[in-house]
Amino acid sequence: YMMGISWGTLAGCFIGPFVLGVIWKGVTKPAVWASIISSLALTVILIFVFGIDMNGWACGIGTAIKSGVSCSPTIGVICMIFSLIITTVVSLLTKKPNEEILYRAFDMPIENEIK
């Protein structure tokens, strides 16, 4: 379960910026940070929510965490989908990267560059 939660957390933090960054040049730096921070927070929240849901509100924190971690595959999938959504939304709402940065990142020649 610990391996599932760790890989689910990593995938949830980075799959949105990685996949969208490969296929779309509009991914912004704030979107990457938003994905990392919010997916990490969502993982922690979902561990508690699933753990409390399985054991009731009267359970202890340790019991809630133990039960929540047992739902690691589900939590990982939710965080991966959330990462794709949050990366897209924040990228659309923030300033696009500088054209020079995009040209260098995607190894394209800069149009106005003096050779």
N, C-alpha and C. Protein backbone atom coordinates (compact mmCIF):
# COMPACT_ATOMS: atom_id res chain seq x y z
N TYR A 1 0.81 -1.20 0.00
CA TYR A 1 0.00 0.00 0.00
C TYR A 1 0.86 1.26 0.00
N MET A 2 1.98 1.22 0.71
CA MET A 2 2.84 2.40 0.75
C MET A 2 3.44 2.70 -0.62
N MET A 3 3.78 1.66 -1.35
CA MET A 3 4.31 1.87 -2.70
C MET A 3 3.21 2.44 -3.60
N GLY A 4 2.02 1.95 -3.46
CA GLY A 4 0.90 2.46 -4.24
C GLY A 4 0.62 3.92 -3.96
N ILE A 5 0.67 4.31 -2.69
CA ILE A 5 0.39 5.70 -2.34
C ILE A 5 1.53 6.60 -2.80
N SER A 6 2.78 6.12 -2.71
CA SER A 6 3.90 6.96 -3.13
C SER A 6 3.91 7.16 -4.64
N TRP A 7 3.72 6.10 -5.40
CA TRP A 7 3.70 6.24 -6.86
C TRP A 7 2.45 6.98 -7.32
N GLY A 8 1.33 6.76 -6.64
CA GLY A 8 0.11 7.50 -6.98
C GLY A 8 0.27 8.99 -6.73
N THR A 9 0.95 9.33 -5.64
CA THR A 9 1.20 10.74 -5.32
C THR A 9 2.13 11.37 -6.35
N LEU A 10 3.21 10.68 -6.68
CA LEU A 10 4.13 11.21 -7.69
C LEU A 10 3.45 11.37 -9.04
N ALA A 11 2.71 10.37 -9.45
CA ALA A 11 2.01 10.46 -10.73
C ALA A 11 0.98 11.58 -10.70
N GLY A 12 0.27 11.70 -9.58
CA GLY A 12 -0.72 12.77 -9.46
C GLY A 12 -0.10 14.15 -9.53
N CYS A 13 1.08 14.31 -8.99
CA CYS A 13 1.74 15.62 -9.00
C CYS A 13 2.28 15.97 -10.39
N PHE A 14 2.79 15.00 -11.12
CA PHE A 14 3.55 15.31 -12.32
C PHE A 14 2.92 14.89 -13.64
N ILE A 15 1.87 14.08 -13.66
CA ILE A 15 1.36 13.60 -14.94
C ILE A 15 0.72 14.72 -15.77
N GLY A 16 0.03 15.64 -15.13
CA GLY A 16 -0.57 16.75 -15.86
C GLY A 16 0.47 17.61 -16.55
N PRO A 17 1.44 18.16 -15.80
CA PRO A 17 2.46 18.97 -16.45
C PRO A 17 3.28 18.19 -17.49
N PHE A 18 3.57 16.92 -17.22
CA PHE A 18 4.38 16.14 -18.16
C PHE A 18 3.63 15.88 -19.45
N VAL A 19 2.46 15.28 -19.37
CA VAL A 19 1.71 14.91 -20.58
C VAL A 19 1.30 16.15 -21.35
N LEU A 20 0.74 17.13 -20.66
CA LEU A 20 0.31 18.33 -21.36
C LEU A 20 1.48 19.14 -21.87
N GLY A 21 2.61 19.12 -21.16
CA GLY A 21 3.80 19.83 -21.61
C GLY A 21 4.38 19.25 -22.88
N VAL A 22 4.19 17.96 -23.10
CA VAL A 22 4.68 17.32 -24.31
C VAL A 22 3.79 17.65 -25.51
N ILE A 23 2.48 17.70 -25.30
CA ILE A 23 1.57 17.87 -26.44
C ILE A 23 1.04 19.29 -26.63
N TRP A 24 1.27 20.17 -25.65
CA TRP A 24 0.71 21.53 -25.72
C TRP A 24 1.74 22.53 -25.24
N LYS A 25 2.00 23.54 -26.02
CA LYS A 25 3.02 24.53 -25.67
C LYS A 25 2.48 25.61 -24.74
N GLY A 26 1.25 25.49 -24.29
CA GLY A 26 0.65 26.51 -23.45
C GLY A 26 0.72 26.26 -21.96
N VAL A 27 1.41 25.21 -21.54
CA VAL A 27 1.52 24.92 -20.10
C VAL A 27 2.42 25.98 -19.46
N THR A 28 1.96 26.54 -18.35
CA THR A 28 2.69 27.62 -17.69
C THR A 28 3.34 27.13 -16.40
N LYS A 29 4.31 27.91 -15.94
CA LYS A 29 5.02 27.57 -14.71
C LYS A 29 4.08 27.56 -13.50
N PRO A 30 3.16 28.55 -13.36
CA PRO A 30 2.22 28.47 -12.24
C PRO A 30 1.32 27.23 -12.28
N ALA A 31 1.01 26.76 -13.49
CA ALA A 31 0.19 25.55 -13.62
C ALA A 31 0.93 24.32 -13.12
N VAL A 32 2.22 24.27 -13.38
CA VAL A 32 3.03 23.14 -12.90
C VAL A 32 3.05 23.13 -11.38
N TRP A 33 3.32 24.30 -10.79
CA TRP A 33 3.34 24.38 -9.32
C TRP A 33 1.96 24.11 -8.72
N ALA A 34 0.92 24.58 -9.38
CA ALA A 34 -0.44 24.32 -8.89
C ALA A 34 -0.73 22.82 -8.89
N SER A 35 -0.31 22.13 -9.93
CA SER A 35 -0.52 20.69 -10.00
C SER A 35 0.24 19.96 -8.90
N ILE A 36 1.49 20.32 -8.71
CA ILE A 36 2.30 19.63 -7.70
C ILE A 36 1.72 19.83 -6.31
N ILE A 37 1.47 21.08 -5.94
CA ILE A 37 1.01 21.39 -4.58
C ILE A 37 -0.40 20.87 -4.33
N SER A 38 -1.31 21.12 -5.28
CA SER A 38 -2.70 20.71 -5.05
C SER A 38 -2.88 19.20 -5.10
N SER A 39 -2.15 18.51 -5.95
CA SER A 39 -2.26 17.05 -5.98
C SER A 39 -1.70 16.41 -4.73
N LEU A 40 -0.64 16.98 -4.21
CA LEU A 40 -0.09 16.49 -2.95
C LEU A 40 -1.09 16.70 -1.81
N ALA A 41 -1.69 17.88 -1.76
CA ALA A 41 -2.69 18.17 -0.74
C ALA A 41 -3.92 17.27 -0.91
N LEU A 42 -4.34 17.06 -2.16
CA LEU A 42 -5.50 16.20 -2.41
C LEU A 42 -5.23 14.77 -1.96
N THR A 43 -4.01 14.28 -2.14
CA THR A 43 -3.67 12.93 -1.69
C THR A 43 -3.86 12.81 -0.17
N VAL A 44 -3.33 13.77 0.57
CA VAL A 44 -3.45 13.73 2.03
C VAL A 44 -4.92 13.81 2.46
N ILE A 45 -5.66 14.71 1.83
CA ILE A 45 -7.09 14.86 2.16
C ILE A 45 -7.86 13.58 1.88
N LEU A 46 -7.60 12.97 0.71
CA LEU A 46 -8.33 11.75 0.35
C LEU A 46 -7.99 10.58 1.26
N ILE A 47 -6.76 10.52 1.74
CA ILE A 47 -6.42 9.45 2.69
C ILE A 47 -7.32 9.55 3.92
N PHE A 48 -7.46 10.76 4.45
CA PHE A 48 -8.31 10.94 5.63
C PHE A 48 -9.79 10.72 5.30
N VAL A 49 -10.25 11.25 4.18
CA VAL A 49 -11.66 11.11 3.82
C VAL A 49 -12.03 9.65 3.62
N PHE A 50 -11.22 8.91 2.85
CA PHE A 50 -11.52 7.49 2.64
C PHE A 50 -11.41 6.70 3.93
N GLY A 51 -10.42 7.01 4.75
CA GLY A 51 -10.26 6.31 6.02
C GLY A 51 -11.42 6.55 6.97
N ILE A 52 -11.86 7.79 7.06
CA ILE A 52 -13.00 8.12 7.92
C ILE A 52 -14.28 7.52 7.35
N ASP A 53 -14.42 7.53 6.03
CA ASP A 53 -15.61 6.95 5.40
C ASP A 53 -15.71 5.46 5.67
N MET A 54 -14.59 4.77 5.69
CA MET A 54 -14.60 3.33 5.93
C MET A 54 -14.86 2.97 7.39
N ASN A 55 -14.46 3.86 8.32
CA ASN A 55 -14.53 3.53 9.74
C ASN A 55 -15.50 4.39 10.55
N GLY A 56 -16.07 5.37 9.95
CA GLY A 56 -16.97 6.26 10.69
C GLY A 56 -16.20 7.38 11.37
N TRP A 57 -16.92 8.41 11.74
CA TRP A 57 -16.31 9.60 12.34
C TRP A 57 -15.74 9.35 13.72
N ALA A 58 -16.08 8.26 14.34
CA ALA A 58 -15.60 7.98 15.69
C ALA A 58 -14.24 7.30 15.71
N CYS A 59 -13.67 6.99 14.55
CA CYS A 59 -12.39 6.29 14.52
C CYS A 59 -11.24 7.24 14.84
N GLY A 60 -10.13 6.68 15.25
CA GLY A 60 -8.94 7.47 15.54
C GLY A 60 -8.20 7.85 14.27
N ILE A 61 -7.27 8.77 14.39
CA ILE A 61 -6.51 9.24 13.23
C ILE A 61 -5.68 8.11 12.63
N GLY A 62 -5.06 7.30 13.48
CA GLY A 62 -4.25 6.18 12.99
C GLY A 62 -5.06 5.18 12.19
N THR A 63 -6.24 4.88 12.67
CA THR A 63 -7.13 3.95 11.97
C THR A 63 -7.57 4.54 10.64
N ALA A 64 -7.89 5.84 10.64
CA ALA A 64 -8.32 6.50 9.41
C ALA A 64 -7.19 6.50 8.38
N ILE A 65 -5.97 6.77 8.81
CA ILE A 65 -4.83 6.78 7.88
C ILE A 65 -4.58 5.38 7.33
N LYS A 66 -4.60 4.37 8.21
CA LYS A 66 -4.36 2.99 7.78
C LYS A 66 -5.41 2.55 6.75
N SER A 67 -6.65 2.86 7.01
CA SER A 67 -7.71 2.49 6.07
C SER A 67 -7.65 3.31 4.80
N GLY A 68 -7.30 4.59 4.93
CA GLY A 68 -7.21 5.45 3.76
C GLY A 68 -6.08 5.04 2.83
N VAL A 69 -4.95 4.65 3.38
CA VAL A 69 -3.82 4.22 2.58
C VAL A 69 -4.16 2.94 1.82
N SER A 70 -5.05 2.12 2.37
CA SER A 70 -5.44 0.90 1.67
C SER A 70 -6.22 1.19 0.39
N CYS A 71 -6.65 2.43 0.20
CA CYS A 71 -7.35 2.84 -1.02
C CYS A 71 -6.40 3.54 -1.99
N SER A 72 -5.11 3.26 -1.89
CA SER A 72 -4.11 4.00 -2.66
C SER A 72 -4.30 3.96 -4.18
N PRO A 73 -4.72 2.86 -4.79
CA PRO A 73 -4.91 2.91 -6.24
C PRO A 73 -6.00 3.91 -6.65
N THR A 74 -7.07 3.93 -5.90
CA THR A 74 -8.16 4.87 -6.20
C THR A 74 -7.70 6.30 -6.00
N ILE A 75 -6.99 6.56 -4.94
CA ILE A 75 -6.49 7.90 -4.66
C ILE A 75 -5.52 8.34 -5.76
N GLY A 76 -4.65 7.45 -6.21
CA GLY A 76 -3.72 7.77 -7.28
C GLY A 76 -4.42 8.15 -8.57
N VAL A 77 -5.44 7.39 -8.94
CA VAL A 77 -6.19 7.68 -10.17
C VAL A 77 -6.90 9.03 -10.07
N ILE A 78 -7.52 9.29 -8.93
CA ILE A 78 -8.21 10.58 -8.74
C ILE A 78 -7.21 11.73 -8.85
N CYS A 79 -6.06 11.58 -8.25
CA CYS A 79 -5.04 12.65 -8.30
C CYS A 79 -4.48 12.84 -9.70
N MET A 80 -4.34 11.77 -10.47
CA MET A 80 -3.85 11.91 -11.83
C MET A 80 -4.85 12.68 -12.70
N ILE A 81 -6.11 12.35 -12.58
CA ILE A 81 -7.14 13.07 -13.34
C ILE A 81 -7.20 14.52 -12.90
N PHE A 82 -7.13 14.74 -11.59
CA PHE A 82 -7.14 16.10 -11.05
C PHE A 82 -5.95 16.91 -11.57
N SER A 83 -4.78 16.28 -11.66
CA SER A 83 -3.58 16.95 -12.15
C SER A 83 -3.76 17.43 -13.59
N LEU A 84 -4.35 16.60 -14.43
CA LEU A 84 -4.59 17.01 -15.82
C LEU A 84 -5.55 18.20 -15.87
N ILE A 85 -6.59 18.16 -15.04
CA ILE A 85 -7.58 19.23 -15.04
C ILE A 85 -6.99 20.53 -14.50
N ILE A 86 -6.31 20.47 -13.36
CA ILE A 86 -5.79 21.69 -12.74
C ILE A 86 -4.69 22.31 -13.60
N THR A 87 -3.87 21.50 -14.24
CA THR A 87 -2.83 22.03 -15.12
C THR A 87 -3.45 22.77 -16.30
N THR A 88 -4.49 22.21 -16.87
CA THR A 88 -5.16 22.86 -18.00
C THR A 88 -5.81 24.17 -17.57
N VAL A 89 -6.55 24.15 -16.49
CA VAL A 89 -7.28 25.34 -16.04
C VAL A 89 -6.32 26.47 -15.68
N VAL A 90 -5.31 26.18 -14.89
CA VAL A 90 -4.36 27.23 -14.48
C VAL A 90 -3.57 27.74 -15.69
N SER A 91 -3.23 26.87 -16.62
CA SER A 91 -2.52 27.32 -17.82
C SER A 91 -3.36 28.27 -18.65
N LEU A 92 -4.65 28.00 -18.73
CA LEU A 92 -5.54 28.88 -19.49
C LEU A 92 -5.75 30.23 -18.80
N LEU A 93 -5.60 30.26 -17.48
CA LEU A 93 -5.84 31.49 -16.72
C LEU A 93 -4.58 32.33 -16.47
N THR A 94 -3.41 31.80 -16.78
CA THR A 94 -2.17 32.53 -16.51
C THR A 94 -1.48 32.89 -17.82
N LYS A 95 -0.49 33.77 -17.70
CA LYS A 95 0.23 34.27 -18.86
C LYS A 95 1.04 33.16 -19.53
N LYS A 96 0.95 33.12 -20.84
CA LYS A 96 1.68 32.11 -21.62
C LYS A 96 3.18 32.32 -21.49
N PRO A 97 3.96 31.25 -21.66
CA PRO A 97 5.41 31.39 -21.62
C PRO A 97 5.92 32.29 -22.74
N ASN A 98 7.05 32.91 -22.52
CA ASN A 98 7.70 33.75 -23.51
C ASN A 98 8.02 32.92 -24.75
N GLU A 99 7.85 33.52 -25.94
CA GLU A 99 8.12 32.80 -27.19
C GLU A 99 9.56 32.30 -27.26
N GLU A 100 10.51 33.07 -26.77
CA GLU A 100 11.91 32.66 -26.82
C GLU A 100 12.13 31.39 -25.99
N ILE A 101 11.48 31.32 -24.85
CA ILE A 101 11.59 30.12 -24.00
C ILE A 101 11.01 28.90 -24.73
N LEU A 102 9.87 29.08 -25.38
CA LEU A 102 9.26 27.98 -26.12
C LEU A 102 10.15 27.51 -27.27
N TYR A 103 10.72 28.47 -28.00
CA TYR A 103 11.59 28.09 -29.11
C TYR A 103 12.79 27.29 -28.62
N ARG A 104 13.36 27.71 -27.51
CA ARG A 104 14.53 26.99 -26.98
C ARG A 104 14.12 25.64 -26.38
N ALA A 105 12.99 25.58 -25.70
CA ALA A 105 12.54 24.34 -25.08
C ALA A 105 12.19 23.27 -26.12
N PHE A 106 11.59 23.71 -27.23
CA PHE A 106 11.18 22.77 -28.26
C PHE A 106 12.18 22.70 -29.40
N ASP A 107 13.37 23.28 -29.20
CA ASP A 107 14.48 23.24 -30.15
C ASP A 107 14.05 23.70 -31.54
N MET A 108 13.36 24.83 -31.57
CA MET A 108 12.96 25.43 -32.83
C MET A 108 13.81 26.67 -33.04
N PRO A 109 14.15 27.00 -34.28
CA PRO A 109 14.94 28.20 -34.51
C PRO A 109 14.12 29.45 -34.21
N ILE A 110 14.75 30.42 -33.60
CA ILE A 110 14.10 31.68 -33.28
C ILE A 110 14.06 32.50 -34.56
N GLU A 111 12.89 33.00 -34.92
CA GLU A 111 12.68 33.67 -36.20
C GLU A 111 13.52 34.93 -36.35
N ASN A 112 13.63 35.75 -35.32
CA ASN A 112 14.31 37.03 -35.41
C ASN A 112 15.73 36.98 -34.88
N GLU A 113 16.26 35.81 -34.70
CA GLU A 113 17.61 35.67 -34.15
C GLU A 113 18.66 35.95 -35.23
N ILE A 114 19.65 36.76 -34.88
CA ILE A 114 20.73 37.08 -35.80
C ILE A 114 21.76 35.95 -35.72
N LYS A 115 22.11 35.41 -36.85
CA LYS A 115 23.05 34.28 -36.86
C LYS A 115 24.43 34.74 -37.21
